[in-house]
Amino acid sequence: MEKQSRSHELRNATLALTEGLFAHMVDFGLWTIIYMAQLSVPQSQHGQLFRAQLAADRFLSEVNYDVLKSAIQNARKRGWITTHRHALPEITREGKKRLSSIIPRYDEKRVWDRRMHLVTYDIPETKKEDREKLRIHLRRLGCGLLQDSVWITPYNPIDTLRKFINEHDLGGTIIVSDMGKDGSIGEENLQDMIIRIYRLEELNVRYESWLHEVKEAKCIDSGFLILYLSILRNDPQLPFSLLPRWWRGSEAYTRVQAFLEKLL
């Protein structure tokens, strides 16, 4: 009974992870091809060994093989992979572009001019859809919500926002202000404000939990990689000098760096 409960729990976690990182099953299929390619499966027995490796992997074993096979076929129709007889599927240049647009990347440089920027907007109700798209765009740029219609970011967003404004005809509705090198507002210092706005404590708990699970498992499989990437996708990747001393994101990256460099 306990074994069934653990299996059910893992199956739910599998679904949650794939939905959290991959919007479509076909994208998960692309990821699986890249992941499996790194195992150097002999081509002469690729079919049997492919299924055997899926079964052996703690995470992939919970993915329905037929569903995954259908996703791979869908990817082939879109030109994202090529298939050959007696050989594993290969991801194409277009497939790599597709995967690259989905998988978050860890920024090791994070160049910062030590200035903070404020983004404010007043978009009419008639452009409600564009307003929602702007919010999504600001989060992707690493902006944090200070209050309604007011966002803050350490990275100057003016160039990318200018393109967004032109594409959505939002001229005169968005303002970017330079807050200077201090960047604090009121009595709250800059780092405390950053921790609060970006909810770094909650994000750090997820990194700590991931590190603990990896230590307990004594290995990193596809499930741990996807879980890490799911956390990284929510990480604003702030300049290192703005991060608190207790931040565990950098430590987590060192555990997966070699794996991701091979995969991506």
C-alpha atoms as a PDB file:
ATOM      1  CA  MET A   1       0.000   0.000   0.000  1.00  0.00           C
ATOM      2  CA  GLU A   2       2.810   2.354   0.925  1.00  0.00           C
ATOM      3  CA  LYS A   3       4.585   1.522  -2.353  1.00  0.00           C
ATOM      4  CA  GLN A   4       1.421   2.342  -4.338  1.00  0.00           C
ATOM      5  CA  SER A   5       1.088   5.626  -2.449  1.00  0.00           C
ATOM      6  CA  ARG A   6       4.670   6.598  -3.305  1.00  0.00           C
ATOM      7  CA  SER A   7       4.091   5.652  -6.945  1.00  0.00           C
ATOM      8  CA  HIS A   8       0.913   7.759  -7.074  1.00  0.00           C
ATOM      9  CA  GLU A   9       2.758  10.646  -5.448  1.00  0.00           C
ATOM     10  CA  LEU A  10       5.599  10.430  -7.964  1.00  0.00           C
ATOM     11  CA  ARG A  11       3.123  10.244 -10.870  1.00  0.00           C
ATOM     12  CA  ASN A  12       1.423  13.439  -9.657  1.00  0.00           C
ATOM     13  CA  ALA A  13       4.790  15.121  -9.255  1.00  0.00           C
ATOM     14  CA  THR A  14       5.739  14.060 -12.779  1.00  0.00           C
ATOM     15  CA  LEU A  15       2.630  15.653 -14.244  1.00  0.00           C
ATOM     16  CA  ALA A  16       3.089  18.815 -12.192  1.00  0.00           C
ATOM     17  CA  LEU A  17       6.700  19.189 -13.285  1.00  0.00           C
ATOM     18  CA  THR A  18       6.058  18.658 -16.982  1.00  0.00           C
ATOM     19  CA  GLU A  19       3.129  21.090 -16.916  1.00  0.00           C
ATOM     20  CA  GLY A  20       5.211  23.573 -14.938  1.00  0.00           C
ATOM     21  CA  LEU A  21       8.018  23.654 -17.491  1.00  0.00           C
ATOM     22  CA  PHE A  22       6.610  22.272 -20.727  1.00  0.00           C
ATOM     23  CA  ALA A  23       3.329  23.715 -21.963  1.00  0.00           C
ATOM     24  CA  HIS A  24       2.957  20.937 -24.556  1.00  0.00           C
ATOM     25  CA  MET A  25       3.820  17.246 -24.450  1.00  0.00           C
ATOM     26  CA  VAL A  26       5.691  17.606 -27.731  1.00  0.00           C
ATOM     27  CA  ASP A  27       8.177  19.887 -25.935  1.00  0.00           C
ATOM     28  CA  PHE A  28       8.696  17.247 -23.271  1.00  0.00           C
ATOM     29  CA  GLY A  29       9.335  14.814 -26.117  1.00  0.00           C
ATOM     30  CA  LEU A  30      12.118  17.059 -27.407  1.00  0.00           C
ATOM     31  CA  TRP A  31      13.623  17.220 -23.930  1.00  0.00           C
ATOM     32  CA  THR A  32      13.521  13.431 -23.602  1.00  0.00           C
ATOM     33  CA  ILE A  33      15.329  12.964 -26.914  1.00  0.00           C
ATOM     34  CA  ILE A  34      18.115  15.311 -25.825  1.00  0.00           C
ATOM     35  CA  TYR A  35      18.308  13.619 -22.429  1.00  0.00           C
ATOM     36  CA  MET A  36      18.391  10.096 -23.829  1.00  0.00           C
ATOM     37  CA  ALA A  37      20.961  11.027 -26.485  1.00  0.00           C
ATOM     38  CA  GLN A  38      23.447  11.724 -23.691  1.00  0.00           C
ATOM     39  CA  LEU A  39      23.168   8.101 -22.527  1.00  0.00           C
ATOM     40  CA  SER A  40      24.928   6.870 -25.686  1.00  0.00           C
ATOM     41  CA  VAL A  41      22.398   4.097 -26.270  1.00  0.00           C
ATOM     42  CA  PRO A  42      23.751   1.596 -28.864  1.00  0.00           C
ATOM     43  CA  GLN A  43      21.893   2.090 -32.141  1.00  0.00           C
ATOM     44  CA  SER A  44      21.448  -1.600 -32.911  1.00  0.00           C
ATOM     45  CA  GLN A  45      19.114  -2.074 -29.963  1.00  0.00           C
ATOM     46  CA  HIS A  46      17.851   1.460 -29.574  1.00  0.00           C
ATOM     47  CA  GLY A  47      14.149   0.505 -29.310  1.00  0.00           C
ATOM     48  CA  GLN A  48      14.519  -1.997 -26.501  1.00  0.00           C
ATOM     49  CA  LEU A  49      17.124  -0.011 -24.614  1.00  0.00           C
ATOM     50  CA  PHE A  50      15.178   3.211 -25.032  1.00  0.00           C
ATOM     51  CA  ARG A  51      12.185   1.654 -23.296  1.00  0.00           C
ATOM     52  CA  ALA A  52      14.414  -0.014 -20.696  1.00  0.00           C
ATOM     53  CA  GLN A  53      16.064   3.276 -19.814  1.00  0.00           C
ATOM     54  CA  LEU A  54      12.683   4.975 -19.546  1.00  0.00           C
ATOM     55  CA  ALA A  55      11.620   2.286 -17.097  1.00  0.00           C
ATOM     56  CA  ALA A  56      14.832   2.594 -15.079  1.00  0.00           C
ATOM     57  CA  ASP A  57      14.604   6.370 -14.719  1.00  0.00           C
ATOM     58  CA  ARG A  58      12.707   7.348 -11.551  1.00  0.00           C
ATOM     59  CA  PHE A  59      10.985  10.237 -13.322  1.00  0.00           C
ATOM     60  CA  LEU A  60      10.559   9.009 -16.895  1.00  0.00           C
ATOM     61  CA  SER A  61       9.142   5.683 -15.716  1.00  0.00           C
ATOM     62  CA  GLU A  62       5.975   7.551 -14.737  1.00  0.00           C
ATOM     63  CA  VAL A  63       5.497   8.913 -18.267  1.00  0.00           C
ATOM     64  CA  ASN A  64       3.235   6.854 -20.511  1.00  0.00           C
ATOM     65  CA  TYR A  65       5.414   5.427 -23.284  1.00  0.00           C
ATOM     66  CA  ASP A  66       2.699   5.635 -25.945  1.00  0.00           C
ATOM     67  CA  VAL A  67       1.969   9.267 -25.074  1.00  0.00           C
ATOM     68  CA  LEU A  68       5.665  10.087 -25.311  1.00  0.00           C
ATOM     69  CA  LYS A  69       5.944   8.172 -28.599  1.00  0.00           C
ATOM     70  CA  SER A  70       3.012  10.204 -29.973  1.00  0.00           C
ATOM     71  CA  ALA A  71       4.705  13.436 -28.872  1.00  0.00           C
ATOM     72  CA  ILE A  72       7.895  12.423 -30.684  1.00  0.00           C
ATOM     73  CA  GLN A  73       5.903  11.666 -33.841  1.00  0.00           C
ATOM     74  CA  ASN A  74       4.264  15.069 -33.553  1.00  0.00           C
ATOM     75  CA  ALA A  75       7.693  16.679 -33.244  1.00  0.00           C
ATOM     76  CA  ARG A  76       8.833  14.860 -36.382  1.00  0.00           C
ATOM     77  CA  LYS A  77       5.845  16.201 -38.347  1.00  0.00           C
ATOM     78  CA  ARG A  78       6.790  19.732 -37.292  1.00  0.00           C
ATOM     79  CA  GLY A  79      10.367  19.252 -38.452  1.00  0.00           C
ATOM     80  CA  TRP A  80      11.812  19.393 -34.950  1.00  0.00           C
ATOM     81  CA  ILE A  81      13.334  15.908 -35.065  1.00  0.00           C
ATOM     82  CA  THR A  82      14.403  13.406 -37.686  1.00  0.00           C
ATOM     83  CA  THR A  83      13.990   9.653 -37.368  1.00  0.00           C
ATOM     84  CA  HIS A  84      16.081   6.947 -39.014  1.00  0.00           C
ATOM     85  CA  ARG A  85      15.691   3.210 -39.057  1.00  0.00           C
ATOM     86  CA  HIS A  86      17.863   1.468 -36.442  1.00  0.00           C
ATOM     87  CA  ALA A  87      18.854   4.803 -34.906  1.00  0.00           C
ATOM     88  CA  LEU A  88      17.612   7.063 -32.159  1.00  0.00           C
ATOM     89  CA  PRO A  89      15.616  10.165 -33.142  1.00  0.00           C
ATOM     90  CA  GLU A  90      17.776  13.266 -33.603  1.00  0.00           C
ATOM     91  CA  ILE A  91      16.740  16.796 -32.791  1.00  0.00           C
ATOM     92  CA  THR A  92      17.044  19.259 -35.689  1.00  0.00           C
ATOM     93  CA  ARG A  93      18.280  22.857 -35.627  1.00  0.00           C
ATOM     94  CA  GLU A  94      14.655  24.040 -35.518  1.00  0.00           C
ATOM     95  CA  GLY A  95      13.964  21.619 -32.693  1.00  0.00           C
ATOM     96  CA  LYS A  96      16.900  22.995 -30.713  1.00  0.00           C
ATOM     97  CA  LYS A  97      15.586  26.519 -31.274  1.00  0.00           C
ATOM     98  CA  ARG A  98      12.198  25.436 -29.995  1.00  0.00           C
ATOM     99  CA  LEU A  99      13.674  23.823 -26.895  1.00  0.00           C
ATOM    100  CA  SER A 100      15.980  26.775 -26.309  1.00  0.00           C
ATOM    101  CA  SER A 101      12.969  29.115 -26.229  1.00  0.00           C
ATOM    102  CA  ILE A 102      11.424  27.037 -23.445  1.00  0.00           C
ATOM    103  CA  ILE A 103      14.324  25.957 -21.237  1.00  0.00           C
ATOM    104  CA  PRO A 104      15.522  28.747 -18.906  1.00  0.00           C
ATOM    105  CA  ARG A 105      19.260  29.483 -18.884  1.00  0.00           C
ATOM    106  CA  TYR A 106      21.360  30.326 -15.859  1.00  0.00           C
ATOM    107  CA  ASP A 107      23.111  33.665 -16.345  1.00  0.00           C
ATOM    108  CA  GLU A 108      26.640  33.382 -14.947  1.00  0.00           C
ATOM    109  CA  LYS A 109      27.580  37.011 -15.722  1.00  0.00           C
ATOM    110  CA  ARG A 110      24.617  39.208 -14.745  1.00  0.00           C
ATOM    111  CA  VAL A 111      26.236  42.476 -15.750  1.00  0.00           C
ATOM    112  CA  TRP A 112      24.785  45.340 -13.718  1.00  0.00           C
ATOM    113  CA  ASP A 113      25.486  49.092 -13.699  1.00  0.00           C
ATOM    114  CA  ARG A 114      24.336  49.270 -10.048  1.00  0.00           C
ATOM    115  CA  ARG A 115      21.280  51.340 -10.978  1.00  0.00           C
ATOM    116  CA  MET A 116      17.645  50.438 -10.311  1.00  0.00           C
ATOM    117  CA  HIS A 117      14.786  51.162 -12.693  1.00  0.00           C
ATOM    118  CA  LEU A 118      11.095  51.764 -12.171  1.00  0.00           C
ATOM    119  CA  VAL A 119       8.437  50.821 -14.736  1.00  0.00           C
ATOM    120  CA  THR A 120       4.994  52.415 -14.437  1.00  0.00           C
ATOM    121  CA  TYR A 121       2.076  52.257 -16.829  1.00  0.00           C
ATOM    122  CA  ASP A 122      -1.469  53.508 -17.293  1.00  0.00           C
ATOM    123  CA  ILE A 123      -3.080  51.372 -19.980  1.00  0.00           C
ATOM    124  CA  PRO A 124      -6.813  51.957 -20.714  1.00  0.00           C
ATOM    125  CA  GLU A 125      -9.394  49.237 -20.181  1.00  0.00           C
ATOM    126  CA  THR A 126      -9.890  49.025 -23.943  1.00  0.00           C
ATOM    127  CA  LYS A 127      -6.402  47.517 -24.136  1.00  0.00           C
ATOM    128  CA  LYS A 128      -6.875  45.107 -21.238  1.00  0.00           C
ATOM    129  CA  GLU A 129      -5.382  42.193 -23.181  1.00  0.00           C
ATOM    130  CA  ASP A 130      -2.231  44.177 -23.998  1.00  0.00           C
ATOM    131  CA  ARG A 131      -1.963  45.167 -20.337  1.00  0.00           C
ATOM    132  CA  GLU A 132      -1.936  41.516 -19.305  1.00  0.00           C
ATOM    133  CA  LYS A 133       0.662  40.725 -21.977  1.00  0.00           C
ATOM    134  CA  LEU A 134       2.800  43.561 -20.597  1.00  0.00           C
ATOM    135  CA  ARG A 135       2.692  42.057 -17.097  1.00  0.00           C
ATOM    136  CA  ILE A 136       3.841  38.701 -18.460  1.00  0.00           C
ATOM    137  CA  HIS A 137       6.554  40.463 -20.476  1.00  0.00           C
ATOM    138  CA  LEU A 138       7.789  42.381 -17.405  1.00  0.00           C
ATOM    139  CA  ARG A 139       8.092  39.173 -15.388  1.00  0.00           C
ATOM    140  CA  ARG A 140      10.105  37.574 -18.177  1.00  0.00           C
ATOM    141  CA  LEU A 141      12.411  40.577 -18.094  1.00  0.00           C
ATOM    142  CA  GLY A 142      13.044  39.961 -14.393  1.00  0.00           C
ATOM    143  CA  CYS A 143      10.901  42.803 -13.074  1.00  0.00           C
ATOM    144  CA  GLY A 144       9.289  42.581  -9.642  1.00  0.00           C
ATOM    145  CA  LEU A 145       5.864  43.973  -8.750  1.00  0.00           C
ATOM    146  CA  LEU A 146       6.189  46.859  -6.282  1.00  0.00           C
ATOM    147  CA  GLN A 147       2.498  47.750  -6.320  1.00  0.00           C
ATOM    148  CA  ASP A 148      -0.334  47.968  -8.847  1.00  0.00           C
ATOM    149  CA  SER A 149       1.060  49.112 -12.220  1.00  0.00           C
ATOM    150  CA  VAL A 150       4.490  49.776 -10.672  1.00  0.00           C
ATOM    151  CA  TRP A 151       7.416  47.410 -11.274  1.00  0.00           C
ATOM    152  CA  ILE A 152      11.069  47.498 -10.308  1.00  0.00           C
ATOM    153  CA  THR A 153      14.140  45.954 -11.948  1.00  0.00           C
ATOM    154  CA  PRO A 154      17.944  46.188 -11.677  1.00  0.00           C
ATOM    155  CA  TYR A 155      18.272  45.692 -15.425  1.00  0.00           C
ATOM    156  CA  ASN A 156      17.478  48.581 -17.764  1.00  0.00           C
ATOM    157  CA  PRO A 157      14.405  47.382 -19.703  1.00  0.00           C
ATOM    158  CA  ILE A 158      14.010  50.376 -22.005  1.00  0.00           C
ATOM    159  CA  ASP A 159      15.214  48.730 -25.247  1.00  0.00           C
ATOM    160  CA  THR A 160      13.054  45.610 -24.980  1.00  0.00           C
ATOM    161  CA  LEU A 161      10.082  47.639 -23.738  1.00  0.00           C
ATOM    162  CA  ARG A 162      10.398  50.054 -26.652  1.00  0.00           C
ATOM    163  CA  LYS A 163       9.946  47.120 -29.040  1.00  0.00           C
ATOM    164  CA  PHE A 164       6.948  45.881 -27.035  1.00  0.00           C
ATOM    165  CA  ILE A 165       5.385  49.362 -27.029  1.00  0.00           C
ATOM    166  CA  ASN A 166       5.727  49.668 -30.805  1.00  0.00           C
ATOM    167  CA  GLU A 167       4.318  46.183 -31.468  1.00  0.00           C
ATOM    168  CA  HIS A 168       1.244  46.818 -29.301  1.00  0.00           C
ATOM    169  CA  ASP A 169       0.729  50.505 -30.076  1.00  0.00           C
ATOM    170  CA  LEU A 170       1.131  51.567 -26.431  1.00  0.00           C
ATOM    171  CA  GLY A 171       2.967  54.836 -26.953  1.00  0.00           C
ATOM    172  CA  GLY A 172       2.603  57.263 -24.031  1.00  0.00           C
ATOM    173  CA  THR A 173       1.259  54.641 -21.622  1.00  0.00           C
ATOM    174  CA  ILE A 174       4.512  53.240 -20.187  1.00  0.00           C
ATOM    175  CA  ILE A 175       7.234  55.164 -18.339  1.00  0.00           C
ATOM    176  CA  VAL A 176      10.698  53.880 -17.355  1.00  0.00           C
ATOM    177  CA  SER A 177      12.446  55.866 -14.617  1.00  0.00           C
ATOM    178  CA  ASP A 178      16.031  55.657 -13.372  1.00  0.00           C
ATOM    179  CA  MET A 179      16.030  55.282  -9.569  1.00  0.00           C
ATOM    180  CA  GLY A 180      19.770  55.883  -9.297  1.00  0.00           C
ATOM    181  CA  LYS A 181      22.421  53.753  -7.610  1.00  0.00           C
ATOM    182  CA  ASP A 182      20.758  53.622  -4.201  1.00  0.00           C
ATOM    183  CA  GLY A 183      17.406  52.514  -5.551  1.00  0.00           C
ATOM    184  CA  SER A 184      15.744  52.279  -2.140  1.00  0.00           C
ATOM    185  CA  ILE A 185      12.266  53.615  -1.481  1.00  0.00           C
ATOM    186  CA  GLY A 186      11.370  55.127   1.883  1.00  0.00           C
ATOM    187  CA  GLU A 187      13.022  53.656   4.988  1.00  0.00           C
ATOM    188  CA  GLU A 188      13.432  50.147   3.578  1.00  0.00           C
ATOM    189  CA  ASN A 189      16.948  49.419   2.313  1.00  0.00           C
ATOM    190  CA  LEU A 190      17.474  48.094  -1.195  1.00  0.00           C
ATOM    191  CA  GLN A 191      18.284  44.472  -0.347  1.00  0.00           C
ATOM    192  CA  ASP A 192      15.346  44.094   2.052  1.00  0.00           C
ATOM    193  CA  MET A 193      13.074  45.532  -0.612  1.00  0.00           C
ATOM    194  CA  ILE A 194      14.487  43.134  -3.218  1.00  0.00           C
ATOM    195  CA  ILE A 195      13.962  40.133  -0.903  1.00  0.00           C
ATOM    196  CA  ARG A 196      10.358  41.170  -0.254  1.00  0.00           C
ATOM    197  CA  ILE A 197       9.334  42.107  -3.800  1.00  0.00           C
ATOM    198  CA  TYR A 198      10.900  39.076  -5.471  1.00  0.00           C
ATOM    199  CA  ARG A 199       9.846  36.752  -2.623  1.00  0.00           C
ATOM    200  CA  LEU A 200      13.369  35.375  -2.451  1.00  0.00           C
ATOM    201  CA  GLU A 201      12.812  33.556   0.829  1.00  0.00           C
ATOM    202  CA  GLU A 202      10.103  31.370  -0.743  1.00  0.00           C
ATOM    203  CA  LEU A 203      12.246  30.712  -3.800  1.00  0.00           C
ATOM    204  CA  ASN A 204      15.225  29.869  -1.615  1.00  0.00           C
ATOM    205  CA  VAL A 205      13.168  27.272   0.274  1.00  0.00           C
ATOM    206  CA  ARG A 206      12.521  25.533  -3.062  1.00  0.00           C
ATOM    207  CA  TYR A 207      16.251  25.495  -3.828  1.00  0.00           C
ATOM    208  CA  GLU A 208      17.034  24.168  -0.342  1.00  0.00           C
ATOM    209  CA  SER A 209      14.425  21.436  -0.698  1.00  0.00           C
ATOM    210  CA  TRP A 210      15.836  20.462  -4.100  1.00  0.00           C
ATOM    211  CA  LEU A 211      19.384  20.291  -2.724  1.00  0.00           C
ATOM    212  CA  HIS A 212      18.207  18.144   0.175  1.00  0.00           C
ATOM    213  CA  GLU A 213      16.379  15.707  -2.130  1.00  0.00           C
ATOM    214  CA  VAL A 214      19.396  15.421  -4.425  1.00  0.00           C
ATOM    215  CA  LYS A 215      21.621  14.687  -1.444  1.00  0.00           C
ATOM    216  CA  GLU A 216      19.217  11.995  -0.236  1.00  0.00           C
ATOM    217  CA  ALA A 217      18.936  10.416  -3.696  1.00  0.00           C
ATOM    218  CA  LYS A 218      22.715  10.565  -4.285  1.00  0.00           C
ATOM    219  CA  CYS A 219      22.108  11.088  -8.008  1.00  0.00           C
ATOM    220  CA  ILE A 220      20.563  13.521 -10.463  1.00  0.00           C
ATOM    221  CA  ASP A 221      18.106  12.073 -12.954  1.00  0.00           C
ATOM    222  CA  SER A 222      15.774  13.723 -15.468  1.00  0.00           C
ATOM    223  CA  GLY A 223      13.227  14.450 -12.737  1.00  0.00           C
ATOM    224  CA  PHE A 224      15.728  16.434 -10.686  1.00  0.00           C
ATOM    225  CA  LEU A 225      16.863  18.316 -13.794  1.00  0.00           C
ATOM    226  CA  ILE A 226      13.316  19.285 -14.718  1.00  0.00           C
ATOM    227  CA  LEU A 227      12.544  20.243 -11.119  1.00  0.00           C
ATOM    228  CA  TYR A 228      15.630  22.454 -11.046  1.00  0.00           C
ATOM    229  CA  LEU A 229      14.636  24.127 -14.322  1.00  0.00           C
ATOM    230  CA  SER A 230      11.111  24.678 -12.986  1.00  0.00           C
ATOM    231  CA  ILE A 231      12.620  26.595 -10.056  1.00  0.00           C
ATOM    232  CA  LEU A 232      15.053  28.466 -12.282  1.00  0.00           C
ATOM    233  CA  ARG A 233      12.194  29.614 -14.500  1.00  0.00           C
ATOM    234  CA  ASN A 234      10.774  31.494 -11.495  1.00  0.00           C
ATOM    235  CA  ASP A 235      14.175  32.859 -10.508  1.00  0.00           C
ATOM    236  CA  PRO A 236      14.579  36.537 -11.532  1.00  0.00           C
ATOM    237  CA  GLN A 237      18.354  35.938 -11.702  1.00  0.00           C
ATOM    238  CA  LEU A 238      19.198  39.167  -9.932  1.00  0.00           C
ATOM    239  CA  PRO A 239      22.724  40.613  -9.862  1.00  0.00           C
ATOM    240  CA  PHE A 240      24.841  38.553  -7.481  1.00  0.00           C
ATOM    241  CA  SER A 241      25.636  41.595  -5.316  1.00  0.00           C
ATOM    242  CA  LEU A 242      21.910  42.023  -4.576  1.00  0.00           C
ATOM    243  CA  LEU A 243      21.403  38.455  -3.386  1.00  0.00           C
ATOM    244  CA  PRO A 244      21.463  37.694   0.370  1.00  0.00           C
ATOM    245  CA  ARG A 245      24.211  35.549   1.880  1.00  0.00           C
ATOM    246  CA  TRP A 246      21.803  32.698   2.546  1.00  0.00           C
ATOM    247  CA  TRP A 247      20.873  32.339  -1.132  1.00  0.00           C
ATOM    248  CA  ARG A 248      21.196  28.702  -2.361  1.00  0.00           C
ATOM    249  CA  GLY A 249      20.475  29.216  -6.059  1.00  0.00           C
ATOM    250  CA  SER A 250      24.154  29.346  -7.034  1.00  0.00           C
ATOM    251  CA  GLU A 251      24.900  26.129  -5.131  1.00  0.00           C
ATOM    252  CA  ALA A 252      22.022  24.367  -6.874  1.00  0.00           C
ATOM    253  CA  TYR A 253      23.359  25.432 -10.267  1.00  0.00           C
ATOM    254  CA  THR A 254      26.794  23.954  -9.558  1.00  0.00           C
ATOM    255  CA  ARG A 255      25.096  20.571  -9.026  1.00  0.00           C
ATOM    256  CA  VAL A 256      23.483  20.573 -12.480  1.00  0.00           C
ATOM    257  CA  GLN A 257      25.926  22.690 -14.488  1.00  0.00           C
ATOM    258  CA  ALA A 258      27.768  19.766 -16.087  1.00  0.00           C
ATOM    259  CA  PHE A 259      24.516  17.976 -16.947  1.00  0.00           C
ATOM    260  CA  LEU A 260      22.927  21.038 -18.531  1.00  0.00           C
ATOM    261  CA  GLU A 261      26.038  21.895 -20.531  1.00  0.00           C
ATOM    262  CA  LYS A 262      25.823  18.440 -22.142  1.00  0.00           C
ATOM    263  CA  LEU A 263      22.091  18.612 -22.722  1.00  0.00           C
ATOM    264  CA  LEU A 264      21.772  22.188 -23.891  1.00  0.00           C
END
